[in-house]
């Protein structure tokens, strides 16, 4: 794993390992634009630039998994013009960045529902997933049209169907079986969850998976999230004591 430098109290440099899996709630695009007298759409577009920077930083720091909350299942409540712009940004991101991501060894995985998503975008998503499926430099999980309560309900329905069909005993449903029925099956739980914009809530994001994650809430808006902010969040992560229900241990993920 990559090491980042942190200045110790004695003036020396302490080397910290990067967490294996970082999840990010990318919040504040609209407010970033509003404070500058710009339309919200420009805030979202600047937010895409921050995504590119976050991916580059994750690669530099040898983070294995990076999950970003791209579009919530609740975001359909926004004005249609803003929704159309967000969908367009997703399409442009795939078209513009797919070749570079593939060359860099990034594997793309998309979690969430396909409902309401137009066929052009779903085709682009499938193209990105299929092209990069053998890559292992960084696993980029994009939570798109995603809501954690919906994910948990889908997992419960899958298992209930297996029980009804005689494929699974109800008594055999363990925490591990439930986890494998989630959209994130095969992906380790996040060690660190970062949310920008100063808000301090999960907003229906990875409710099951973040049971023991460390949360770092940053005051900066997402378009201002840069490498220094990313590394600062990792430093904060390493300052925590992670118990997992047992004795104290330092964050060494």
C-alpha atoms as a PDB file:
ATOM      1  CA  UNK A   1       0.000   0.000   0.000  1.00  0.00           C
ATOM      2  CA  UNK A   2       1.077   3.572  -0.567  1.00  0.00           C
ATOM      3  CA  UNK A   3       2.188   5.647   2.379  1.00  0.00           C
ATOM      4  CA  UNK A   4       1.327   9.267   2.981  1.00  0.00           C
ATOM      5  CA  UNK A   5       3.418  11.610   5.063  1.00  0.00           C
ATOM      6  CA  UNK A   6       2.027  13.129   8.240  1.00  0.00           C
ATOM      7  CA  UNK A   7       4.035  15.563  10.347  1.00  0.00           C
ATOM      8  CA  UNK A   8       4.447  14.259  13.864  1.00  0.00           C
ATOM      9  CA  UNK A   9       4.505  16.460  16.961  1.00  0.00           C
ATOM     10  CA  UNK A  10       8.278  16.079  17.080  1.00  0.00           C
ATOM     11  CA  UNK A  11       8.630  17.521  13.603  1.00  0.00           C
ATOM     12  CA  UNK A  12       9.386  14.237  11.839  1.00  0.00           C
ATOM     13  CA  UNK A  13       7.322  12.560   9.144  1.00  0.00           C
ATOM     14  CA  UNK A  14       5.057   9.694  10.158  1.00  0.00           C
ATOM     15  CA  UNK A  15       4.116   7.339   7.287  1.00  0.00           C
ATOM     16  CA  UNK A  16       0.497   6.201   7.149  1.00  0.00           C
ATOM     17  CA  UNK A  17      -0.892   3.399   5.025  1.00  0.00           C
ATOM     18  CA  UNK A  18      -3.944   4.101   2.914  1.00  0.00           C
ATOM     19  CA  UNK A  19      -7.211   2.389   3.861  1.00  0.00           C
ATOM     20  CA  UNK A  20      -8.223  -0.439   1.547  1.00  0.00           C
ATOM     21  CA  UNK A  21     -11.708   0.881   0.748  1.00  0.00           C
ATOM     22  CA  UNK A  22     -12.834   4.501   0.796  1.00  0.00           C
ATOM     23  CA  UNK A  23     -16.426   5.559   0.123  1.00  0.00           C
ATOM     24  CA  UNK A  24     -17.370   9.158  -0.632  1.00  0.00           C
ATOM     25  CA  UNK A  25     -20.643  11.089  -0.509  1.00  0.00           C
ATOM     26  CA  UNK A  26     -19.908  13.859  -2.994  1.00  0.00           C
ATOM     27  CA  UNK A  27     -22.025  16.710  -1.659  1.00  0.00           C
ATOM     28  CA  UNK A  28     -22.159  20.449  -2.249  1.00  0.00           C
ATOM     29  CA  UNK A  29     -22.015  20.976  -6.022  1.00  0.00           C
ATOM     30  CA  UNK A  30     -25.116  23.175  -6.034  1.00  0.00           C
ATOM     31  CA  UNK A  31     -24.049  25.282  -3.067  1.00  0.00           C
ATOM     32  CA  UNK A  32     -20.569  25.683  -4.550  1.00  0.00           C
ATOM     33  CA  UNK A  33     -22.152  27.137  -7.688  1.00  0.00           C
ATOM     34  CA  UNK A  34     -24.658  29.298  -5.809  1.00  0.00           C
ATOM     35  CA  UNK A  35     -21.955  30.982  -3.720  1.00  0.00           C
ATOM     36  CA  UNK A  36     -20.247  31.958  -6.969  1.00  0.00           C
ATOM     37  CA  UNK A  37     -23.392  33.168  -8.670  1.00  0.00           C
ATOM     38  CA  UNK A  38     -23.275  30.274 -11.140  1.00  0.00           C
ATOM     39  CA  UNK A  39     -25.986  27.857 -12.288  1.00  0.00           C
ATOM     40  CA  UNK A  40     -26.162  24.524 -10.440  1.00  0.00           C
ATOM     41  CA  UNK A  41     -25.250  22.710 -13.646  1.00  0.00           C
ATOM     42  CA  UNK A  42     -21.786  24.290 -13.565  1.00  0.00           C
ATOM     43  CA  UNK A  43     -21.369  23.055 -10.014  1.00  0.00           C
ATOM     44  CA  UNK A  44     -22.107  19.512 -11.147  1.00  0.00           C
ATOM     45  CA  UNK A  45     -19.652  19.826 -14.022  1.00  0.00           C
ATOM     46  CA  UNK A  46     -16.945  21.058 -11.693  1.00  0.00           C
ATOM     47  CA  UNK A  47     -17.824  18.134  -9.459  1.00  0.00           C
ATOM     48  CA  UNK A  48     -16.918  15.758 -12.291  1.00  0.00           C
ATOM     49  CA  UNK A  49     -13.442  17.293 -12.325  1.00  0.00           C
ATOM     50  CA  UNK A  50     -13.206  16.523  -8.607  1.00  0.00           C
ATOM     51  CA  UNK A  51     -14.158  12.906  -9.370  1.00  0.00           C
ATOM     52  CA  UNK A  52     -11.279  12.683 -11.831  1.00  0.00           C
ATOM     53  CA  UNK A  53      -8.896  14.078  -9.209  1.00  0.00           C
ATOM     54  CA  UNK A  54     -10.197  11.662  -6.557  1.00  0.00           C
ATOM     55  CA  UNK A  55      -9.634   8.690  -8.854  1.00  0.00           C
ATOM     56  CA  UNK A  56      -6.094   9.832  -9.636  1.00  0.00           C
ATOM     57  CA  UNK A  57      -5.380  10.305  -5.939  1.00  0.00           C
ATOM     58  CA  UNK A  58      -6.815   6.898  -5.058  1.00  0.00           C
ATOM     59  CA  UNK A  59      -4.498   5.307  -7.620  1.00  0.00           C
ATOM     60  CA  UNK A  60      -1.488   7.234  -6.310  1.00  0.00           C
ATOM     61  CA  UNK A  61      -2.260   6.152  -2.751  1.00  0.00           C
ATOM     62  CA  UNK A  62      -2.817   2.512  -3.738  1.00  0.00           C
ATOM     63  CA  UNK A  63      -6.377   2.472  -2.450  1.00  0.00           C
ATOM     64  CA  UNK A  64      -7.950  -0.735  -3.752  1.00  0.00           C
ATOM     65  CA  UNK A  65     -11.642   0.218  -3.700  1.00  0.00           C
ATOM     66  CA  UNK A  66     -13.207   3.644  -4.188  1.00  0.00           C
ATOM     67  CA  UNK A  67     -16.990   3.978  -3.996  1.00  0.00           C
ATOM     68  CA  UNK A  68     -18.617   7.256  -5.039  1.00  0.00           C
ATOM     69  CA  UNK A  69     -22.266   8.255  -4.573  1.00  0.00           C
ATOM     70  CA  UNK A  70     -23.038   9.531  -8.045  1.00  0.00           C
ATOM     71  CA  UNK A  71     -26.845   9.657  -8.220  1.00  0.00           C
ATOM     72  CA  UNK A  72     -29.280   8.785  -5.452  1.00  0.00           C
ATOM     73  CA  UNK A  73     -32.606   7.063  -6.019  1.00  0.00           C
ATOM     74  CA  UNK A  74     -34.055  10.120  -4.246  1.00  0.00           C
ATOM     75  CA  UNK A  75     -32.477  12.500  -6.764  1.00  0.00           C
ATOM     76  CA  UNK A  76     -35.373  11.842  -9.160  1.00  0.00           C
ATOM     77  CA  UNK A  77     -37.277  14.397  -7.055  1.00  0.00           C
ATOM     78  CA  UNK A  78     -35.083  17.190  -8.428  1.00  0.00           C
ATOM     79  CA  UNK A  79     -36.155  19.428 -11.331  1.00  0.00           C
ATOM     80  CA  UNK A  80     -36.196  17.579 -14.660  1.00  0.00           C
ATOM     81  CA  UNK A  81     -33.642  19.976 -16.159  1.00  0.00           C
ATOM     82  CA  UNK A  82     -31.141  19.157 -13.415  1.00  0.00           C
ATOM     83  CA  UNK A  83     -31.793  15.423 -13.762  1.00  0.00           C
ATOM     84  CA  UNK A  84     -31.204  15.602 -17.511  1.00  0.00           C
ATOM     85  CA  UNK A  85     -27.941  17.435 -16.909  1.00  0.00           C
ATOM     86  CA  UNK A  86     -26.778  14.848 -14.376  1.00  0.00           C
ATOM     87  CA  UNK A  87     -27.594  12.022 -16.787  1.00  0.00           C
ATOM     88  CA  UNK A  88     -25.732  13.847 -19.529  1.00  0.00           C
ATOM     89  CA  UNK A  89     -22.704  14.277 -17.278  1.00  0.00           C
ATOM     90  CA  UNK A  90     -22.647  10.548 -16.566  1.00  0.00           C
ATOM     91  CA  UNK A  91     -22.724   9.815 -20.288  1.00  0.00           C
ATOM     92  CA  UNK A  92     -19.964  12.304 -21.025  1.00  0.00           C
ATOM     93  CA  UNK A  93     -17.849  10.997 -18.161  1.00  0.00           C
ATOM     94  CA  UNK A  94     -17.977   7.460 -19.577  1.00  0.00           C
ATOM     95  CA  UNK A  95     -17.347   8.566 -23.157  1.00  0.00           C
ATOM     96  CA  UNK A  96     -14.501  10.898 -22.259  1.00  0.00           C
ATOM     97  CA  UNK A  97     -12.793   8.975 -19.471  1.00  0.00           C
ATOM     98  CA  UNK A  98     -13.381   5.284 -20.176  1.00  0.00           C
ATOM     99  CA  UNK A  99     -10.291   4.763 -22.335  1.00  0.00           C
ATOM    100  CA  UNK A 100      -8.050   6.549 -19.826  1.00  0.00           C
ATOM    101  CA  UNK A 101      -9.522   4.663 -16.874  1.00  0.00           C
ATOM    102  CA  UNK A 102      -9.051   1.367 -18.687  1.00  0.00           C
ATOM    103  CA  UNK A 103      -5.436   2.222 -19.531  1.00  0.00           C
ATOM    104  CA  UNK A 104      -4.805   3.096 -15.881  1.00  0.00           C
ATOM    105  CA  UNK A 105      -6.076  -0.330 -14.795  1.00  0.00           C
ATOM    106  CA  UNK A 106      -9.324   0.877 -13.234  1.00  0.00           C
ATOM    107  CA  UNK A 107     -12.169  -1.606 -13.047  1.00  0.00           C
ATOM    108  CA  UNK A 108     -15.619  -0.029 -13.083  1.00  0.00           C
ATOM    109  CA  UNK A 109     -18.522  -1.514 -11.190  1.00  0.00           C
ATOM    110  CA  UNK A 110     -21.933   0.153 -10.960  1.00  0.00           C
ATOM    111  CA  UNK A 111     -24.390  -0.549  -8.149  1.00  0.00           C
ATOM    112  CA  UNK A 112     -28.014   0.542  -7.976  1.00  0.00           C
ATOM    113  CA  UNK A 113     -31.145   0.036 -10.045  1.00  0.00           C
ATOM    114  CA  UNK A 114     -31.673   0.358 -13.795  1.00  0.00           C
ATOM    115  CA  UNK A 115     -35.264   1.590 -13.403  1.00  0.00           C
ATOM    116  CA  UNK A 116     -35.911   4.982 -15.067  1.00  0.00           C
ATOM    117  CA  UNK A 117     -32.420   5.040 -16.623  1.00  0.00           C
ATOM    118  CA  UNK A 118     -32.542   5.480 -20.407  1.00  0.00           C
ATOM    119  CA  UNK A 119     -31.220   2.746 -22.683  1.00  0.00           C
ATOM    120  CA  UNK A 120     -28.338   4.840 -24.049  1.00  0.00           C
ATOM    121  CA  UNK A 121     -26.894   5.314 -20.588  1.00  0.00           C
ATOM    122  CA  UNK A 122     -27.403   1.693 -19.551  1.00  0.00           C
ATOM    123  CA  UNK A 123     -25.573   0.611 -22.717  1.00  0.00           C
ATOM    124  CA  UNK A 124     -22.668   2.916 -21.869  1.00  0.00           C
ATOM    125  CA  UNK A 125     -22.573   1.560 -18.326  1.00  0.00           C
ATOM    126  CA  UNK A 126     -22.495  -2.020 -19.631  1.00  0.00           C
ATOM    127  CA  UNK A 127     -19.700  -1.083 -22.042  1.00  0.00           C
ATOM    128  CA  UNK A 128     -17.622   0.408 -19.234  1.00  0.00           C
ATOM    129  CA  UNK A 129     -18.174  -2.556 -16.930  1.00  0.00           C
ATOM    130  CA  UNK A 130     -17.408  -5.154 -19.606  1.00  0.00           C
ATOM    131  CA  UNK A 131     -14.319  -3.395 -20.962  1.00  0.00           C
ATOM    132  CA  UNK A 132     -12.665  -2.990 -17.565  1.00  0.00           C
ATOM    133  CA  UNK A 133     -13.726  -6.209 -15.835  1.00  0.00           C
ATOM    134  CA  UNK A 134     -10.207  -7.703 -15.842  1.00  0.00           C
ATOM    135  CA  UNK A 135      -8.513  -4.607 -14.378  1.00  0.00           C
ATOM    136  CA  UNK A 136      -7.352  -4.628 -10.773  1.00  0.00           C
ATOM    137  CA  UNK A 137      -5.362  -1.423 -10.153  1.00  0.00           C
ATOM    138  CA  UNK A 138      -8.387   0.292  -8.604  1.00  0.00           C
ATOM    139  CA  UNK A 139     -11.968  -0.921  -8.300  1.00  0.00           C
ATOM    140  CA  UNK A 140     -14.167   2.136  -8.889  1.00  0.00           C
ATOM    141  CA  UNK A 141     -17.684   1.463  -7.626  1.00  0.00           C
ATOM    142  CA  UNK A 142     -20.199   4.015  -8.881  1.00  0.00           C
ATOM    143  CA  UNK A 143     -23.427   4.118  -6.871  1.00  0.00           C
ATOM    144  CA  UNK A 144     -25.845   5.297  -9.546  1.00  0.00           C
ATOM    145  CA  UNK A 145     -29.621   5.408  -9.089  1.00  0.00           C
ATOM    146  CA  UNK A 146     -28.778   3.877  -5.734  1.00  0.00           C
ATOM    147  CA  UNK A 147     -30.479   3.895  -2.360  1.00  0.00           C
ATOM    148  CA  UNK A 148     -29.361   1.664   0.487  1.00  0.00           C
ATOM    149  CA  UNK A 149     -32.836   0.862   1.811  1.00  0.00           C
ATOM    150  CA  UNK A 150     -33.854  -0.251  -1.672  1.00  0.00           C
ATOM    151  CA  UNK A 151     -30.705  -2.369  -1.916  1.00  0.00           C
ATOM    152  CA  UNK A 152     -31.468  -4.085   1.402  1.00  0.00           C
ATOM    153  CA  UNK A 153     -35.063  -4.720   0.304  1.00  0.00           C
ATOM    154  CA  UNK A 154     -33.846  -6.234  -2.997  1.00  0.00           C
ATOM    155  CA  UNK A 155     -31.462  -8.498  -1.093  1.00  0.00           C
ATOM    156  CA  UNK A 156     -34.263  -9.615   1.216  1.00  0.00           C
ATOM    157  CA  UNK A 157     -36.490 -10.393  -1.771  1.00  0.00           C
ATOM    158  CA  UNK A 158     -33.745 -12.461  -3.410  1.00  0.00           C
ATOM    159  CA  UNK A 159     -33.270 -14.534  -0.283  1.00  0.00           C
ATOM    160  CA  UNK A 160     -37.031 -14.856   0.314  1.00  0.00           C
ATOM    161  CA  UNK A 161     -37.422 -16.154  -3.234  1.00  0.00           C
ATOM    162  CA  UNK A 162     -34.701 -18.745  -2.656  1.00  0.00           C
ATOM    163  CA  UNK A 163     -36.408 -19.874   0.545  1.00  0.00           C
ATOM    164  CA  UNK A 164     -39.793 -20.093  -1.220  1.00  0.00           C
ATOM    165  CA  UNK A 165     -38.246 -22.176  -4.006  1.00  0.00           C
ATOM    166  CA  UNK A 166     -36.627 -24.554  -1.540  1.00  0.00           C
ATOM    167  CA  UNK A 167     -33.128 -23.439  -2.524  1.00  0.00           C
ATOM    168  CA  UNK A 168     -32.271 -22.024   0.894  1.00  0.00           C
ATOM    169  CA  UNK A 169     -33.285 -22.714   4.476  1.00  0.00           C
ATOM    170  CA  UNK A 170     -34.450 -19.651   6.357  1.00  0.00           C
ATOM    171  CA  UNK A 171     -32.242 -20.693   9.263  1.00  0.00           C
ATOM    172  CA  UNK A 172     -29.229 -20.561   6.924  1.00  0.00           C
ATOM    173  CA  UNK A 173     -29.543 -16.800   6.352  1.00  0.00           C
ATOM    174  CA  UNK A 174     -26.543 -15.390   8.157  1.00  0.00           C
ATOM    175  CA  UNK A 175     -24.907 -11.979   8.073  1.00  0.00           C
ATOM    176  CA  UNK A 176     -22.533 -13.332   5.419  1.00  0.00           C
ATOM    177  CA  UNK A 177     -25.378 -14.704   3.276  1.00  0.00           C
ATOM    178  CA  UNK A 178     -27.193 -11.373   3.503  1.00  0.00           C
ATOM    179  CA  UNK A 179     -24.033  -9.492   2.542  1.00  0.00           C
ATOM    180  CA  UNK A 180     -23.590 -11.690  -0.519  1.00  0.00           C
ATOM    181  CA  UNK A 181     -27.121 -10.819  -1.654  1.00  0.00           C
ATOM    182  CA  UNK A 182     -26.310  -7.093  -1.677  1.00  0.00           C
ATOM    183  CA  UNK A 183     -25.333  -5.055  -4.733  1.00  0.00           C
ATOM    184  CA  UNK A 184     -21.851  -4.881  -3.185  1.00  0.00           C
ATOM    185  CA  UNK A 185     -21.344  -8.640  -3.035  1.00  0.00           C
ATOM    186  CA  UNK A 186     -17.650  -9.466  -3.114  1.00  0.00           C
ATOM    187  CA  UNK A 187     -16.589  -5.945  -2.123  1.00  0.00           C
ATOM    188  CA  UNK A 188     -15.137  -5.428   1.378  1.00  0.00           C
ATOM    189  CA  UNK A 189     -16.914  -2.940   3.597  1.00  0.00           C
ATOM    190  CA  UNK A 190     -15.523   0.618   3.531  1.00  0.00           C
ATOM    191  CA  UNK A 191     -12.854   1.385   6.092  1.00  0.00           C
ATOM    192  CA  UNK A 192     -13.447   5.112   5.671  1.00  0.00           C
ATOM    193  CA  UNK A 193     -16.469   7.104   4.544  1.00  0.00           C
ATOM    194  CA  UNK A 194     -15.965  10.744   3.593  1.00  0.00           C
ATOM    195  CA  UNK A 195     -18.754  13.293   3.134  1.00  0.00           C
ATOM    196  CA  UNK A 196     -18.122  16.804   1.895  1.00  0.00           C
ATOM    197  CA  UNK A 197     -20.123  20.046   2.379  1.00  0.00           C
ATOM    198  CA  UNK A 198     -20.387  19.907   6.161  1.00  0.00           C
ATOM    199  CA  UNK A 199     -23.476  17.691   6.266  1.00  0.00           C
ATOM    200  CA  UNK A 200     -23.295  14.887   8.834  1.00  0.00           C
ATOM    201  CA  UNK A 201     -25.594  12.111   7.678  1.00  0.00           C
ATOM    202  CA  UNK A 202     -25.481   9.033   5.437  1.00  0.00           C
ATOM    203  CA  UNK A 203     -28.422   9.993   3.212  1.00  0.00           C
ATOM    204  CA  UNK A 204     -29.375   6.377   2.489  1.00  0.00           C
ATOM    205  CA  UNK A 205     -25.860   5.413   1.369  1.00  0.00           C
ATOM    206  CA  UNK A 206     -24.294   2.023   2.230  1.00  0.00           C
ATOM    207  CA  UNK A 207     -26.264   1.648   5.458  1.00  0.00           C
ATOM    208  CA  UNK A 208     -25.415  -2.055   5.786  1.00  0.00           C
ATOM    209  CA  UNK A 209     -21.806  -1.769   4.647  1.00  0.00           C
ATOM    210  CA  UNK A 210     -20.731   1.113   6.906  1.00  0.00           C
ATOM    211  CA  UNK A 211     -21.621  -0.584  10.196  1.00  0.00           C
ATOM    212  CA  UNK A 212     -17.995  -0.270  11.340  1.00  0.00           C
ATOM    213  CA  UNK A 213     -16.644   2.352   8.955  1.00  0.00           C
ATOM    214  CA  UNK A 214     -14.985   5.506  10.226  1.00  0.00           C
ATOM    215  CA  UNK A 215     -16.793   8.698   9.129  1.00  0.00           C
ATOM    216  CA  UNK A 216     -14.980  11.911   8.244  1.00  0.00           C
ATOM    217  CA  UNK A 217     -17.139  14.951   7.497  1.00  0.00           C
ATOM    218  CA  UNK A 218     -15.449  17.808   5.665  1.00  0.00           C
ATOM    219  CA  UNK A 219     -16.621  21.412   5.432  1.00  0.00           C
ATOM    220  CA  UNK A 220     -15.427  21.851   1.836  1.00  0.00           C
ATOM    221  CA  UNK A 221     -17.837  21.468  -1.060  1.00  0.00           C
ATOM    222  CA  UNK A 222     -17.228  18.571  -3.407  1.00  0.00           C
ATOM    223  CA  UNK A 223     -15.788  20.660  -6.292  1.00  0.00           C
ATOM    224  CA  UNK A 224     -13.046  21.818  -3.881  1.00  0.00           C
ATOM    225  CA  UNK A 225     -12.144  18.285  -2.771  1.00  0.00           C
ATOM    226  CA  UNK A 226      -8.527  17.814  -3.823  1.00  0.00           C
ATOM    227  CA  UNK A 227      -5.575  15.568  -3.024  1.00  0.00           C
ATOM    228  CA  UNK A 228      -4.774  17.486   0.159  1.00  0.00           C
ATOM    229  CA  UNK A 229      -8.349  17.050   1.420  1.00  0.00           C
ATOM    230  CA  UNK A 230      -8.235  13.346   0.564  1.00  0.00           C
ATOM    231  CA  UNK A 231      -4.968  12.839   2.408  1.00  0.00           C
ATOM    232  CA  UNK A 232      -6.243  14.902   5.330  1.00  0.00           C
ATOM    233  CA  UNK A 233      -9.262  12.593   5.661  1.00  0.00           C
ATOM    234  CA  UNK A 234      -6.930   9.590   5.701  1.00  0.00           C
ATOM    235  CA  UNK A 235      -4.853  11.219   8.441  1.00  0.00           C
ATOM    236  CA  UNK A 236      -8.040  11.722  10.465  1.00  0.00           C
ATOM    237  CA  UNK A 237      -8.937   8.068   9.841  1.00  0.00           C
ATOM    238  CA  UNK A 238      -5.626   6.958  11.305  1.00  0.00           C
ATOM    239  CA  UNK A 239      -6.154   9.103  14.388  1.00  0.00           C
ATOM    240  CA  UNK A 240      -9.242   7.065  15.302  1.00  0.00           C
ATOM    241  CA  UNK A 241      -9.378   4.061  17.606  1.00  0.00           C
ATOM    242  CA  UNK A 242     -11.311   1.244  15.963  1.00  0.00           C
ATOM    243  CA  UNK A 243     -12.788  -1.298  18.382  1.00  0.00           C
ATOM    244  CA  UNK A 244     -15.206  -3.377  16.278  1.00  0.00           C
ATOM    245  CA  UNK A 245     -17.000  -4.211  19.505  1.00  0.00           C
ATOM    246  CA  UNK A 246     -13.768  -5.390  21.174  1.00  0.00           C
ATOM    247  CA  UNK A 247     -10.609  -3.870  22.552  1.00  0.00           C
ATOM    248  CA  UNK A 248      -9.088  -0.672  21.191  1.00  0.00           C
ATOM    249  CA  UNK A 249      -6.990  -0.869  18.069  1.00  0.00           C
ATOM    250  CA  UNK A 250      -5.534   1.854  15.892  1.00  0.00           C
ATOM    251  CA  UNK A 251      -6.691   2.284  12.315  1.00  0.00           C
ATOM    252  CA  UNK A 252      -4.225   0.236  10.274  1.00  0.00           C
ATOM    253  CA  UNK A 253      -6.358  -0.615   7.244  1.00  0.00           C
END
